[in-house]
Each structure stands twice: as structure tokens, then as C-alpha cells.
Amino acid sequence: MTPTTATAPITPDAFETEFVDALKQLFEEKIVFNQVLGLKITAIAPDKVTARINMKPELVGHYSHNRIHGGVISACLDAMGGLACMAAIGARHMNETPQQRLHRFGKLGTIDLRIDYLRPAVSDHFELRAEVMRLGSRVASTRMEFLAADGKLLSTGAGAYIVS
């Protein structure tokens, strides 16, 4: 018998349209708080997700400087960490139908969240990025970024999420 070597699971380059559309609907419409924040997904890939929010008066934390509230930043980064987990789980189970994969997100929840506020967040819109650093069978670890329209890094986040 010849020895066998373990191969890493194949990670898809892109998801099928049905999965992406359903994930966008879940994230942007069914999670009502994301609507309040104005979170809009700009890209979903197995290894990275991106989104955007526009600044609006309801999000101001400091009235005289027109800065976005730190709680908005925290909530957005938490949501992005969860979205990154969804993408990673979706990529791990490509042998299932899109609906079967979407059903897996029912138990997803935040265990721990850390936000570092690096500079005052003043911009007409903000870009958000998130990626999964490790996806285990029960817990995922993520890293997130909150950026100004000009690309300046304003805040970072790290989160742990229950995935099963």
C-alpha cells in the first residue's frame, strides 16, 4: 500500500449567485438592526467580506465634530465578523445546497468582541472588512477593520463566534 497524504479542502473562488443573494437578504434585510445602521455588503468571498455604511445624522456620537458613535463602529464590526463566519462556513460546505448552508447560520452568535478605536471616525461613508482567522468545528476567530472613505484605518476588531 502506498502512503496517502491529507489534502486541504478545496476553497471555492466564488459562491453561486443564489447563495450570495440569500446571504445579502439575510444580512441587509432580515437582521433589522443592520438596516438601522445602513450596512450594505459590497463583496462576499470565502476568505473576506466587505461592506459600507453612509454617514447619517442618526449615527453621530459627538455633535460638534460630526463623528460616528463608537457603538455604531462596534456593532458594525461585530456584524461583519458574523458575516465573515457565514462566508467561511458556506465555503466549508460547498457540497450542500445554498439553502442547506444558510440554515447552518441559525446557531451563529458572538462569544467575545474587542474593538480598538484608533482615530476619530469622521467621513461621508465608511468601508468595513472582515476575515476569519480560524474556523473550528464550534468556534471561529475573526479580524475586522473600519476605514474612512479615503482608506484611513479608524478602528479594528477581533471577535470569537460560536458556529455550531
N, C-alpha and C. Protein backbone atom coordinates (compact mmCIF):
# COMPACT_ATOMS: atom_id res chain seq x y z
N MET A 1 0.83 -1.18 0.00
CA MET A 1 0.00 0.00 0.00
C MET A 1 0.88 1.24 0.00
N THR A 2 0.50 2.19 -0.78
CA THR A 2 1.25 3.44 -0.80
C THR A 2 0.67 4.40 0.23
N PRO A 3 1.53 5.18 0.89
CA PRO A 3 1.01 6.12 1.88
C PRO A 3 0.18 7.21 1.21
N THR A 4 -0.83 7.68 1.92
CA THR A 4 -1.66 8.76 1.39
C THR A 4 -1.35 10.03 2.15
N THR A 5 -1.50 11.11 1.49
CA THR A 5 -1.30 12.40 2.15
C THR A 5 -2.64 13.10 2.27
N ALA A 6 -2.84 13.75 3.37
CA ALA A 6 -4.08 14.50 3.57
C ALA A 6 -4.04 15.77 2.73
N THR A 7 -5.14 16.05 2.09
CA THR A 7 -5.20 17.27 1.29
C THR A 7 -6.14 18.26 1.96
N ALA A 8 -5.83 19.52 1.82
CA ALA A 8 -6.69 20.56 2.38
C ALA A 8 -7.98 20.63 1.58
N PRO A 9 -9.08 20.97 2.23
CA PRO A 9 -10.33 21.10 1.48
C PRO A 9 -10.22 22.20 0.43
N ILE A 10 -10.86 22.00 -0.67
CA ILE A 10 -10.83 22.99 -1.75
C ILE A 10 -11.74 24.14 -1.37
N THR A 11 -11.19 25.36 -1.41
CA THR A 11 -11.97 26.55 -1.11
C THR A 11 -12.41 27.17 -2.42
N PRO A 12 -13.72 27.39 -2.58
CA PRO A 12 -14.19 27.96 -3.85
C PRO A 12 -13.75 29.40 -4.00
N ASP A 13 -13.52 29.81 -5.25
CA ASP A 13 -13.14 31.19 -5.52
C ASP A 13 -14.34 32.12 -5.38
N ALA A 14 -15.51 31.61 -5.69
CA ALA A 14 -16.70 32.44 -5.63
C ALA A 14 -17.92 31.57 -5.32
N PHE A 15 -18.90 32.18 -4.74
CA PHE A 15 -20.14 31.49 -4.42
C PHE A 15 -21.13 31.64 -5.58
N GLU A 16 -22.11 30.73 -5.61
CA GLU A 16 -23.16 30.83 -6.60
C GLU A 16 -24.06 32.03 -6.27
N THR A 17 -24.65 32.60 -7.30
CA THR A 17 -25.48 33.80 -7.16
C THR A 17 -26.59 33.59 -6.14
N GLU A 18 -27.23 32.42 -6.14
CA GLU A 18 -28.33 32.14 -5.22
C GLU A 18 -27.88 32.29 -3.76
N PHE A 19 -26.69 31.78 -3.45
CA PHE A 19 -26.17 31.87 -2.08
C PHE A 19 -25.87 33.32 -1.71
N VAL A 20 -25.20 34.04 -2.59
CA VAL A 20 -24.84 35.44 -2.32
C VAL A 20 -26.09 36.29 -2.14
N ASP A 21 -27.07 36.13 -3.02
CA ASP A 21 -28.31 36.91 -2.92
C ASP A 21 -29.05 36.62 -1.62
N ALA A 22 -29.12 35.35 -1.24
CA ALA A 22 -29.81 34.98 0.00
C ALA A 22 -29.05 35.50 1.22
N LEU A 23 -27.72 35.45 1.17
CA LEU A 23 -26.92 35.95 2.29
C LEU A 23 -27.06 37.46 2.41
N LYS A 24 -27.09 38.17 1.29
CA LYS A 24 -27.32 39.63 1.31
C LYS A 24 -28.69 39.95 1.90
N GLN A 25 -29.70 39.20 1.49
CA GLN A 25 -31.04 39.44 2.01
C GLN A 25 -31.09 39.20 3.52
N LEU A 26 -30.47 38.12 3.96
CA LEU A 26 -30.41 37.82 5.39
C LEU A 26 -29.72 38.95 6.15
N PHE A 27 -28.55 39.35 5.68
CA PHE A 27 -27.72 40.34 6.37
C PHE A 27 -28.31 41.75 6.32
N GLU A 28 -28.79 42.16 5.15
CA GLU A 28 -29.23 43.54 4.96
C GLU A 28 -30.70 43.79 5.28
N GLU A 29 -31.53 42.75 5.20
CA GLU A 29 -32.97 42.95 5.38
C GLU A 29 -33.53 42.23 6.60
N LYS A 30 -33.18 40.98 6.78
CA LYS A 30 -33.77 40.20 7.87
C LYS A 30 -33.18 40.55 9.23
N ILE A 31 -31.93 40.99 9.26
CA ILE A 31 -31.33 41.49 10.51
C ILE A 31 -31.64 42.98 10.53
N VAL A 32 -32.73 43.32 11.18
CA VAL A 32 -33.28 44.68 11.12
C VAL A 32 -32.28 45.72 11.64
N PHE A 33 -31.50 45.38 12.66
CA PHE A 33 -30.54 46.34 13.19
C PHE A 33 -29.52 46.74 12.13
N ASN A 34 -29.15 45.83 11.24
CA ASN A 34 -28.24 46.17 10.14
C ASN A 34 -28.88 47.20 9.21
N GLN A 35 -30.21 47.16 9.08
CA GLN A 35 -30.92 48.19 8.30
C GLN A 35 -30.79 49.55 8.98
N VAL A 36 -30.96 49.57 10.30
CA VAL A 36 -30.84 50.81 11.06
C VAL A 36 -29.45 51.41 10.87
N LEU A 37 -28.43 50.56 10.90
CA LEU A 37 -27.05 51.01 10.71
C LEU A 37 -26.79 51.43 9.27
N GLY A 38 -27.54 50.87 8.34
CA GLY A 38 -27.32 51.16 6.92
C GLY A 38 -26.23 50.30 6.30
N LEU A 39 -25.95 49.14 6.89
CA LEU A 39 -24.90 48.26 6.37
C LEU A 39 -25.30 47.67 5.01
N LYS A 40 -24.42 47.78 4.05
CA LYS A 40 -24.63 47.23 2.71
C LYS A 40 -23.39 46.43 2.31
N ILE A 41 -23.59 45.18 1.97
CA ILE A 41 -22.49 44.32 1.54
C ILE A 41 -21.98 44.78 0.18
N THR A 42 -20.66 44.87 0.05
CA THR A 42 -20.06 45.22 -1.25
C THR A 42 -19.37 44.02 -1.90
N ALA A 43 -18.93 43.04 -1.10
CA ALA A 43 -18.32 41.83 -1.66
C ALA A 43 -18.37 40.70 -0.65
N ILE A 44 -18.62 39.51 -1.17
CA ILE A 44 -18.60 38.29 -0.35
C ILE A 44 -17.71 37.29 -1.05
N ALA A 45 -16.66 36.89 -0.38
CA ALA A 45 -15.77 35.84 -0.87
C ALA A 45 -15.56 34.87 0.29
N PRO A 46 -15.14 33.66 0.00
CA PRO A 46 -14.93 32.69 1.07
C PRO A 46 -13.93 33.15 2.14
N ASP A 47 -12.97 33.98 1.75
CA ASP A 47 -11.92 34.37 2.70
C ASP A 47 -12.01 35.81 3.17
N LYS A 48 -12.96 36.60 2.64
CA LYS A 48 -13.05 38.01 3.02
C LYS A 48 -14.41 38.58 2.62
N VAL A 49 -14.94 39.44 3.49
CA VAL A 49 -16.19 40.13 3.17
C VAL A 49 -15.97 41.63 3.36
N THR A 50 -16.68 42.42 2.56
CA THR A 50 -16.57 43.87 2.69
C THR A 50 -17.98 44.47 2.66
N ALA A 51 -18.09 45.64 3.29
CA ALA A 51 -19.37 46.34 3.33
C ALA A 51 -19.11 47.83 3.44
N ARG A 52 -20.20 48.58 3.44
CA ARG A 52 -20.11 50.04 3.50
C ARG A 52 -21.30 50.57 4.29
N ILE A 53 -21.08 51.67 5.00
CA ILE A 53 -22.19 52.43 5.58
C ILE A 53 -21.98 53.89 5.25
N ASN A 54 -23.08 54.58 5.00
CA ASN A 54 -23.04 56.01 4.77
C ASN A 54 -23.26 56.73 6.09
N MET A 55 -22.56 57.81 6.30
CA MET A 55 -22.77 58.62 7.49
C MET A 55 -24.13 59.29 7.38
N LYS A 56 -24.85 59.31 8.49
CA LYS A 56 -26.14 60.00 8.56
C LYS A 56 -26.31 60.57 9.96
N PRO A 57 -27.14 61.56 10.12
CA PRO A 57 -27.27 62.25 11.42
C PRO A 57 -27.58 61.31 12.59
N GLU A 58 -28.33 60.24 12.33
CA GLU A 58 -28.71 59.30 13.39
C GLU A 58 -27.51 58.54 13.97
N LEU A 59 -26.38 58.55 13.29
CA LEU A 59 -25.21 57.79 13.72
C LEU A 59 -24.16 58.65 14.44
N VAL A 60 -24.42 59.94 14.55
CA VAL A 60 -23.45 60.86 15.17
C VAL A 60 -23.32 60.57 16.66
N GLY A 61 -22.06 60.50 17.10
CA GLY A 61 -21.78 60.30 18.52
C GLY A 61 -21.34 61.57 19.20
N HIS A 62 -20.67 62.45 18.47
CA HIS A 62 -20.23 63.72 19.04
C HIS A 62 -20.74 64.83 18.13
N TYR A 63 -21.74 65.56 18.62
CA TYR A 63 -22.47 66.52 17.79
C TYR A 63 -21.61 67.64 17.21
N SER A 64 -20.61 68.10 17.95
CA SER A 64 -19.85 69.24 17.45
C SER A 64 -18.76 68.85 16.46
N HIS A 65 -18.43 67.56 16.38
CA HIS A 65 -17.40 67.12 15.44
C HIS A 65 -17.94 66.21 14.34
N ASN A 66 -19.24 65.89 14.40
CA ASN A 66 -19.87 65.01 13.41
C ASN A 66 -19.20 63.65 13.31
N ARG A 67 -18.69 63.17 14.45
CA ARG A 67 -18.06 61.84 14.49
C ARG A 67 -19.12 60.77 14.65
N ILE A 68 -18.85 59.62 14.05
CA ILE A 68 -19.75 58.48 14.21
C ILE A 68 -19.61 57.93 15.63
N HIS A 69 -20.68 57.44 16.19
CA HIS A 69 -20.70 56.92 17.55
C HIS A 69 -19.88 55.62 17.64
N GLY A 70 -19.13 55.47 18.72
CA GLY A 70 -18.33 54.26 18.91
C GLY A 70 -19.16 52.99 18.96
N GLY A 71 -20.38 53.09 19.45
CA GLY A 71 -21.27 51.93 19.47
C GLY A 71 -21.66 51.48 18.08
N VAL A 72 -21.78 52.43 17.15
CA VAL A 72 -22.07 52.09 15.76
C VAL A 72 -20.89 51.33 15.17
N ILE A 73 -19.68 51.81 15.44
CA ILE A 73 -18.48 51.13 14.95
C ILE A 73 -18.44 49.71 15.50
N SER A 74 -18.66 49.55 16.79
CA SER A 74 -18.63 48.24 17.43
C SER A 74 -19.69 47.31 16.83
N ALA A 75 -20.91 47.81 16.69
CA ALA A 75 -21.99 46.98 16.13
C ALA A 75 -21.69 46.57 14.69
N CYS A 76 -21.16 47.51 13.90
CA CYS A 76 -20.82 47.20 12.50
C CYS A 76 -19.72 46.15 12.41
N LEU A 77 -18.68 46.30 13.23
CA LEU A 77 -17.59 45.33 13.19
C LEU A 77 -18.05 43.96 13.68
N ASP A 78 -18.93 43.92 14.67
CA ASP A 78 -19.49 42.66 15.15
C ASP A 78 -20.29 41.99 14.03
N ALA A 79 -21.12 42.76 13.36
CA ALA A 79 -21.92 42.22 12.25
C ALA A 79 -21.02 41.68 11.14
N MET A 80 -19.94 42.41 10.86
CA MET A 80 -19.02 41.97 9.81
C MET A 80 -18.29 40.69 10.19
N GLY A 81 -17.92 40.56 11.47
CA GLY A 81 -17.31 39.32 11.93
C GLY A 81 -18.25 38.15 11.72
N GLY A 82 -19.53 38.35 12.04
CA GLY A 82 -20.53 37.30 11.81
C GLY A 82 -20.68 36.97 10.34
N LEU A 83 -20.68 37.99 9.49
CA LEU A 83 -20.79 37.77 8.05
C LEU A 83 -19.59 36.99 7.52
N ALA A 84 -18.40 37.31 8.01
CA ALA A 84 -17.20 36.58 7.60
C ALA A 84 -17.32 35.10 7.99
N CYS A 85 -17.88 34.84 9.17
CA CYS A 85 -18.10 33.45 9.60
C CYS A 85 -19.07 32.75 8.65
N MET A 86 -20.13 33.45 8.28
CA MET A 86 -21.11 32.86 7.35
C MET A 86 -20.45 32.48 6.03
N ALA A 87 -19.61 33.37 5.52
CA ALA A 87 -18.93 33.08 4.26
C ALA A 87 -17.99 31.88 4.41
N ALA A 88 -17.25 31.83 5.50
CA ALA A 88 -16.32 30.71 5.72
C ALA A 88 -17.06 29.39 5.89
N ILE A 89 -18.17 29.42 6.60
CA ILE A 89 -18.98 28.21 6.77
C ILE A 89 -19.57 27.79 5.42
N GLY A 90 -20.04 28.77 4.67
CA GLY A 90 -20.57 28.48 3.34
C GLY A 90 -19.54 27.84 2.44
N ALA A 91 -18.30 28.31 2.52
CA ALA A 91 -17.22 27.75 1.71
C ALA A 91 -16.85 26.34 2.16
N ARG A 92 -16.92 26.11 3.46
CA ARG A 92 -16.57 24.78 4.00
C ARG A 92 -17.56 23.71 3.55
N HIS A 93 -18.79 24.09 3.29
CA HIS A 93 -19.85 23.12 2.99
C HIS A 93 -20.41 23.30 1.58
N MET A 94 -19.54 23.49 0.62
CA MET A 94 -19.96 23.69 -0.77
C MET A 94 -20.66 22.47 -1.36
N ASN A 95 -20.53 21.32 -0.72
CA ASN A 95 -21.22 20.12 -1.20
C ASN A 95 -22.72 20.17 -0.91
N GLU A 96 -23.15 21.13 -0.08
CA GLU A 96 -24.56 21.28 0.25
C GLU A 96 -25.20 22.34 -0.64
N THR A 97 -26.53 22.33 -0.67
CA THR A 97 -27.24 23.35 -1.45
C THR A 97 -27.10 24.70 -0.73
N PRO A 98 -27.31 25.80 -1.44
CA PRO A 98 -27.27 27.11 -0.78
C PRO A 98 -28.22 27.18 0.42
N GLN A 99 -29.43 26.65 0.29
CA GLN A 99 -30.39 26.70 1.40
C GLN A 99 -29.91 25.89 2.61
N GLN A 100 -29.28 24.75 2.37
CA GLN A 100 -28.74 23.97 3.48
C GLN A 100 -27.64 24.74 4.21
N ARG A 101 -26.78 25.41 3.44
CA ARG A 101 -25.71 26.21 4.05
C ARG A 101 -26.27 27.38 4.84
N LEU A 102 -27.27 28.05 4.30
CA LEU A 102 -27.88 29.18 5.00
C LEU A 102 -28.52 28.74 6.32
N HIS A 103 -29.06 27.54 6.34
CA HIS A 103 -29.67 27.01 7.57
C HIS A 103 -28.64 26.85 8.69
N ARG A 104 -27.38 26.66 8.35
CA ARG A 104 -26.31 26.49 9.35
C ARG A 104 -26.08 27.74 10.19
N PHE A 105 -26.52 28.90 9.73
CA PHE A 105 -26.23 30.16 10.43
C PHE A 105 -27.16 30.41 11.61
N GLY A 106 -28.12 29.54 11.84
CA GLY A 106 -29.09 29.72 12.92
C GLY A 106 -28.47 29.74 14.31
N LYS A 107 -27.36 29.07 14.49
CA LYS A 107 -26.73 28.99 15.80
C LYS A 107 -25.56 29.96 15.96
N LEU A 108 -25.29 30.77 14.94
CA LEU A 108 -24.16 31.70 14.98
C LEU A 108 -24.41 32.80 16.01
N GLY A 109 -23.41 33.06 16.85
CA GLY A 109 -23.54 34.11 17.85
C GLY A 109 -22.18 34.57 18.34
N THR A 110 -22.14 35.81 18.80
CA THR A 110 -20.89 36.39 19.30
C THR A 110 -20.58 35.87 20.70
N ILE A 111 -19.34 35.42 20.88
CA ILE A 111 -18.86 34.99 22.20
C ILE A 111 -18.04 36.11 22.84
N ASP A 112 -17.17 36.71 22.05
CA ASP A 112 -16.26 37.73 22.56
C ASP A 112 -15.99 38.74 21.46
N LEU A 113 -15.86 40.01 21.84
CA LEU A 113 -15.60 41.06 20.87
C LEU A 113 -14.68 42.09 21.48
N ARG A 114 -13.66 42.46 20.73
CA ARG A 114 -12.73 43.51 21.17
C ARG A 114 -12.63 44.52 20.05
N ILE A 115 -12.80 45.80 20.40
CA ILE A 115 -12.69 46.88 19.44
C ILE A 115 -11.60 47.84 19.89
N ASP A 116 -10.71 48.21 18.98
CA ASP A 116 -9.70 49.23 19.24
C ASP A 116 -10.03 50.43 18.37
N TYR A 117 -10.30 51.56 19.03
CA TYR A 117 -10.60 52.81 18.33
C TYR A 117 -9.28 53.55 18.14
N LEU A 118 -8.84 53.67 16.89
CA LEU A 118 -7.52 54.21 16.60
C LEU A 118 -7.52 55.72 16.34
N ARG A 119 -8.56 56.24 15.71
CA ARG A 119 -8.69 57.68 15.43
C ARG A 119 -10.16 58.06 15.37
N PRO A 120 -10.44 59.34 15.50
CA PRO A 120 -11.83 59.79 15.39
C PRO A 120 -12.39 59.43 14.01
N ALA A 121 -13.62 58.95 14.00
CA ALA A 121 -14.23 58.48 12.76
C ALA A 121 -15.11 59.58 12.15
N VAL A 122 -14.52 60.33 11.24
CA VAL A 122 -15.23 61.39 10.53
C VAL A 122 -15.04 61.13 9.04
N SER A 123 -16.17 60.93 8.33
CA SER A 123 -16.12 60.65 6.90
C SER A 123 -17.54 60.70 6.36
N ASP A 124 -17.70 60.82 5.05
CA ASP A 124 -19.06 60.80 4.49
C ASP A 124 -19.58 59.37 4.36
N HIS A 125 -18.68 58.40 4.28
CA HIS A 125 -19.05 57.00 4.35
C HIS A 125 -17.86 56.21 4.88
N PHE A 126 -18.12 54.96 5.23
CA PHE A 126 -17.09 54.11 5.83
C PHE A 126 -17.08 52.75 5.14
N GLU A 127 -15.88 52.19 5.03
CA GLU A 127 -15.70 50.86 4.46
C GLU A 127 -15.37 49.90 5.60
N LEU A 128 -15.89 48.68 5.49
CA LEU A 128 -15.65 47.67 6.51
C LEU A 128 -15.13 46.40 5.85
N ARG A 129 -14.19 45.75 6.52
CA ARG A 129 -13.62 44.49 6.03
C ARG A 129 -13.56 43.50 7.17
N ALA A 130 -13.72 42.23 6.84
CA ALA A 130 -13.60 41.19 7.86
C ALA A 130 -13.13 39.89 7.22
N GLU A 131 -12.39 39.12 8.02
CA GLU A 131 -11.94 37.81 7.57
C GLU A 131 -11.89 36.87 8.78
N VAL A 132 -12.04 35.59 8.49
CA VAL A 132 -11.94 34.57 9.53
C VAL A 132 -10.48 34.13 9.62
N MET A 133 -9.94 34.20 10.81
CA MET A 133 -8.57 33.77 11.03
C MET A 133 -8.50 32.26 11.26
N ARG A 134 -9.54 31.73 11.94
CA ARG A 134 -9.61 30.29 12.18
C ARG A 134 -11.07 29.89 12.29
N LEU A 135 -11.44 28.86 11.56
CA LEU A 135 -12.79 28.31 11.64
C LEU A 135 -12.68 26.90 12.19
N GLY A 136 -13.05 26.76 13.46
CA GLY A 136 -13.06 25.44 14.08
C GLY A 136 -14.43 24.81 13.94
N SER A 137 -14.62 23.67 14.57
CA SER A 137 -15.91 22.99 14.47
C SER A 137 -16.97 23.67 15.34
N ARG A 138 -16.55 24.41 16.38
CA ARG A 138 -17.50 25.08 17.27
C ARG A 138 -17.30 26.59 17.37
N VAL A 139 -16.06 27.06 17.20
CA VAL A 139 -15.75 28.47 17.39
C VAL A 139 -14.93 29.00 16.20
N ALA A 140 -15.25 30.22 15.79
CA ALA A 140 -14.48 30.91 14.74
C ALA A 140 -13.87 32.18 15.34
N SER A 141 -12.67 32.51 14.90
CA SER A 141 -11.99 33.75 15.30
C SER A 141 -11.88 34.64 14.07
N THR A 142 -12.19 35.92 14.28
CA THR A 142 -12.22 36.85 13.15
C THR A 142 -11.39 38.10 13.43
N ARG A 143 -11.07 38.80 12.34
CA ARG A 143 -10.40 40.11 12.42
C ARG A 143 -11.18 41.05 11.50
N MET A 144 -11.44 42.27 12.00
CA MET A 144 -12.25 43.23 11.26
C MET A 144 -11.56 44.59 11.21
N GLU A 145 -11.93 45.40 10.20
CA GLU A 145 -11.40 46.76 10.05
C GLU A 145 -12.52 47.72 9.67
N PHE A 146 -12.41 48.94 10.20
CA PHE A 146 -13.36 50.02 9.94
C PHE A 146 -12.54 51.18 9.38
N LEU A 147 -12.82 51.57 8.13
CA LEU A 147 -11.99 52.55 7.43
C LEU A 147 -12.81 53.75 6.96
N ALA A 148 -12.15 54.90 6.87
CA ALA A 148 -12.76 56.10 6.30
C ALA A 148 -12.83 55.95 4.78
N ALA A 149 -13.56 56.84 4.13
CA ALA A 149 -13.71 56.80 2.68
C ALA A 149 -12.36 56.87 1.97
N ASP A 150 -11.38 57.56 2.58
CA ASP A 150 -10.06 57.69 1.95
C ASP A 150 -9.15 56.49 2.24
N GLY A 151 -9.66 55.47 2.94
CA GLY A 151 -8.89 54.27 3.23
C GLY A 151 -8.13 54.30 4.54
N LYS A 152 -8.22 55.41 5.28
CA LYS A 152 -7.52 55.51 6.56
C LYS A 152 -8.17 54.56 7.58
N LEU A 153 -7.35 53.76 8.24
CA LEU A 153 -7.84 52.82 9.25
C LEU A 153 -8.25 53.57 10.50
N LEU A 154 -9.51 53.42 10.90
CA LEU A 154 -10.06 54.15 12.05
C LEU A 154 -10.21 53.26 13.28
N SER A 155 -10.62 52.01 13.08
CA SER A 155 -10.82 51.07 14.17
C SER A 155 -10.56 49.65 13.68
N THR A 156 -10.17 48.81 14.62
CA THR A 156 -10.00 47.38 14.31
C THR A 156 -10.81 46.58 15.32
N GLY A 157 -11.09 45.35 14.96
CA GLY A 157 -11.82 44.48 15.86
C GLY A 157 -11.33 43.06 15.76
N ALA A 158 -11.57 42.32 16.82
CA ALA A 158 -11.29 40.89 16.85
C ALA A 158 -12.48 40.25 17.56
N GLY A 159 -12.97 39.17 17.01
CA GLY A 159 -14.14 38.54 17.61
C GLY A 159 -14.03 37.03 17.61
N ALA A 160 -14.78 36.43 18.53
CA ALA A 160 -14.93 34.98 18.58
C ALA A 160 -16.43 34.70 18.48
N TYR A 161 -16.79 33.74 17.65
CA TYR A 161 -18.18 33.43 17.37
C TYR A 161 -18.44 31.95 17.53
N ILE A 162 -19.57 31.61 18.14
CA ILE A 162 -20.00 30.21 18.20
C ILE A 162 -20.61 29.90 16.83
N VAL A 163 -20.19 28.80 16.24
CA VAL A 163 -20.66 28.46 14.89
C VAL A 163 -21.43 27.15 14.84
N SER A 164 -21.57 26.47 15.96
CA SER A 164 -22.36 25.23 15.96
C SER A 164 -23.09 25.06 17.27
